[in-house]
C-alpha atoms as a PDB file:
ATOM      1  CA  MET A   1      64.553  70.745 131.972  1.00  0.00           C
ATOM      2  CA  LEU A   2      65.262  73.566 129.574  1.00  0.00           C
ATOM      3  CA  THR A   3      65.372  71.242 126.564  1.00  0.00           C
ATOM      4  CA  LYS A   4      62.144  69.519 127.581  1.00  0.00           C
ATOM      5  CA  ARG A   5      60.373  72.840 128.058  1.00  0.00           C
ATOM      6  CA  THR A   6      61.648  74.127 124.707  1.00  0.00           C
ATOM      7  CA  LEU A   7      60.428  71.034 122.901  1.00  0.00           C
ATOM      8  CA  LEU A   8      57.056  71.181 124.649  1.00  0.00           C
ATOM      9  CA  LEU A   9      56.625  74.756 123.416  1.00  0.00           C
ATOM     10  CA  ILE A  10      57.910  74.284 119.863  1.00  0.00           C
ATOM     11  CA  VAL A  11      56.326  70.960 118.834  1.00  0.00           C
ATOM     12  CA  PRO A  12      52.647  71.946 119.383  1.00  0.00           C
ATOM     13  CA  GLY A  13      53.233  75.228 117.567  1.00  0.00           C
ATOM     14  CA  LEU A  14      54.754  73.443 114.585  1.00  0.00           C
ATOM     15  CA  LEU A  15      51.947  70.903 114.503  1.00  0.00           C
ATOM     16  CA  ALA A  16      49.316  73.644 114.567  1.00  0.00           C
ATOM     17  CA  SER A  17      51.003  75.543 111.744  1.00  0.00           C
ATOM     18  CA  TYR A  18      51.317  72.404 109.601  1.00  0.00           C
ATOM     19  CA  ALA A  19      47.644  71.616 110.198  1.00  0.00           C
ATOM     20  CA  ALA A  20      46.649  75.134 109.191  1.00  0.00           C
ATOM     21  CA  ALA A  21      48.813  74.973 106.053  1.00  0.00           C
ATOM     22  CA  ALA A  22      47.248  71.630 105.067  1.00  0.00           C
ATOM     23  CA  GLN A  23      43.770  73.178 105.076  1.00  0.00           C
ATOM     24  CA  THR A  24      44.600  75.991 102.634  1.00  0.00           C
ATOM     25  CA  PRO A  25      43.793  75.359  98.963  1.00  0.00           C
ATOM     26  CA  ALA A  26      46.693  74.442  96.663  1.00  0.00           C
ATOM     27  CA  ALA A  27      48.022  77.005  94.223  1.00  0.00           C
ATOM     28  CA  THR A  28      46.624  76.720  90.698  1.00  0.00           C
ATOM     29  CA  GLY A  29      49.822  77.676  88.855  1.00  0.00           C
ATOM     30  CA  PRO A  30      51.771  80.695  87.841  1.00  0.00           C
ATOM     31  CA  THR A  31      49.903  83.720  86.584  1.00  0.00           C
ATOM     32  CA  PRO A  32      51.284  86.084  83.947  1.00  0.00           C
ATOM     33  CA  GLY A  33      52.083  88.599  86.669  1.00  0.00           C
ATOM     34  CA  SER A  34      54.123  86.083  88.611  1.00  0.00           C
ATOM     35  CA  LEU A  35      55.960  85.001  85.433  1.00  0.00           C
ATOM     36  CA  LEU A  36      56.921  88.619  84.775  1.00  0.00           C
ATOM     37  CA  SER A  37      58.036  88.922  88.377  1.00  0.00           C
ATOM     38  CA  LEU A  38      60.179  85.792  88.019  1.00  0.00           C
ATOM     39  CA  ALA A  39      61.746  87.199  84.853  1.00  0.00           C
ATOM     40  CA  ALA A  40      62.510  90.495  86.603  1.00  0.00           C
ATOM     41  CA  TRP A  41      64.073  88.707  89.589  1.00  0.00           C
ATOM     42  CA  GLY A  42      66.093  86.515  87.232  1.00  0.00           C
ATOM     43  CA  LEU A  43      67.379  89.564  85.358  1.00  0.00           C
ATOM     44  CA  ALA A  44      68.232  91.250  88.658  1.00  0.00           C
ATOM     45  CA  ALA A  45      70.172  88.155  89.741  1.00  0.00           C
ATOM     46  CA  VAL A  46      72.154  88.146  86.471  1.00  0.00           C
ATOM     47  CA  VAL A  47      72.958  91.851  86.856  1.00  0.00           C
ATOM     48  CA  LEU A  48      74.042  91.262  90.456  1.00  0.00           C
ATOM     49  CA  ILE A  49      76.328  88.381  89.448  1.00  0.00           C
ATOM     50  CA  PHE A  50      77.933  90.425  86.668  1.00  0.00           C
ATOM     51  CA  GLY A  51      78.406  93.351  89.049  1.00  0.00           C
ATOM     52  CA  MET A  52      80.127  91.120  91.601  1.00  0.00           C
ATOM     53  CA  MET A  53      82.383  89.646  88.900  1.00  0.00           C
ATOM     54  CA  THR A  54      83.334  93.145  87.704  1.00  0.00           C
ATOM     55  CA  ALA A  55      84.057  94.345  91.238  1.00  0.00           C
ATOM     56  CA  THR A  56      86.213  91.290  91.918  1.00  0.00           C
ATOM     57  CA  SER A  57      88.128  91.810  88.691  1.00  0.00           C
ATOM     58  CA  LEU A  58      88.745  95.489  89.466  1.00  0.00           C
ATOM     59  CA  ALA A  59      89.890  94.706  93.001  1.00  0.00           C
ATOM     60  CA  SER A  60      92.288  92.061  91.701  1.00  0.00           C
ATOM     61  CA  ALA A  61      93.734  94.449  89.113  1.00  0.00           C
ATOM     62  CA  ALA A  62      94.168  97.191  91.726  1.00  0.00           C
ATOM     63  CA  ALA A  63      95.939  94.794  94.093  1.00  0.00           C
ATOM     64  CA  ALA A  64      98.275  93.625  91.318  1.00  0.00           C
ATOM     65  CA  ALA A  65      99.081  97.220  90.345  1.00  0.00           C
ATOM     66  CA  ALA A  66      99.808  98.153  93.966  1.00  0.00           C
ATOM     67  CA  GLN A  67     102.038  95.110  94.381  1.00  0.00           C
ATOM     68  CA  GLN A  68     103.936  95.940  91.188  1.00  0.00           C
ATOM     69  CA  GLN A  69     104.382  99.561  92.281  1.00  0.00           C
ATOM     70  CA  ALA A  70     105.669  98.448  95.679  1.00  0.00           C
ATOM     71  CA  GLY A  71     108.140  96.126  93.961  1.00  0.00           C
ATOM     72  CA  GLN A  72     109.398  98.974  91.772  1.00  0.00           C
ATOM     73  CA  GLN A  73     109.852 101.244  94.804  1.00  0.00           C
ATOM     74  CA  GLU A  74     111.825  98.539  96.610  1.00  0.00           C
ATOM     75  CA  ALA A  75     114.012  98.071  93.533  1.00  0.00           C
ATOM     76  CA  GLU A  76     114.660 101.832  93.341  1.00  0.00           C
ATOM     77  CA  GLN A  77     115.594 101.929  97.023  1.00  0.00           C
ATOM     78  CA  ALA A  78     117.947  98.989  96.542  1.00  0.00           C
ATOM     79  CA  ASP A  79     119.578 100.782  93.591  1.00  0.00           C
ATOM     80  CA  VAL A  80     120.022 103.954  95.661  1.00  0.00           C
ATOM     81  CA  LEU A  81     121.573 102.011  98.525  1.00  0.00           C
ATOM     82  CA  ALA A  82     123.872 100.122  96.173  1.00  0.00           C
ATOM     83  CA  ALA A  83     125.040 103.333  94.498  1.00  0.00           C
ATOM     84  CA  ALA A  84     125.733 105.142  97.787  1.00  0.00           C
ATOM     85  CA  PRO A  85     129.417 105.433  98.628  1.00  0.00           C
ATOM     86  CA  THR A  86     130.587 103.396 101.549  1.00  0.00           C
ATOM     87  CA  ALA A  87     132.922 104.736 104.175  1.00  0.00           C
ATOM     88  CA  THR A  88     136.099 102.729 104.607  1.00  0.00           C
ATOM     89  CA  PRO A  89     138.679 103.359 107.276  1.00  0.00           C
ATOM     90  CA  ALA A  90     141.986 104.893 106.234  1.00  0.00           C
ATOM     91  CA  PRO A  91     144.863 102.449 106.062  1.00  0.00           C
ATOM     92  CA  ALA A  92     147.071 102.449 109.122  1.00  0.00           C
ATOM     93  CA  VAL A  93     150.685 103.392 108.521  1.00  0.00           C
ATOM     94  CA  ALA A  94     153.114 101.222 110.395  1.00  0.00           C
ATOM     95  CA  GLY A  95     155.701 102.923 112.548  1.00  0.00           C
ATOM     96  CA  GLN A  96     153.986 106.279 112.981  1.00  0.00           C
ATOM     97  CA  ARG A  97     152.768 107.436 116.306  1.00  0.00           C
ATOM     98  CA  ILE A  98     150.237 110.074 116.889  1.00  0.00           C
ATOM     99  CA  ALA A  99     151.000 112.487 119.675  1.00  0.00           C
ATOM    100  CA  ALA A 100     148.075 113.313 121.790  1.00  0.00           C
END
């Protein structure tokens, strides 16, 4: 029921709009103002694309630098842990008893 009702409301509206569009006169061609507008939009699109490429490049470089810095910090921590003295138990002497 809902689908039938939706189609019954949409189809006549679409048909009416197509009929109205068919009665309007066709465009004669681009005017100098519209050509200038197209050129401006084209230039804006190029600037936008270059801006996105620059932002992506900067983000990639920042991520690589952060990853390299994190790797260096991990290496420094590993060096500190490797250089730290380790505690070993004293050797037990056979035959001695400790009085408590």
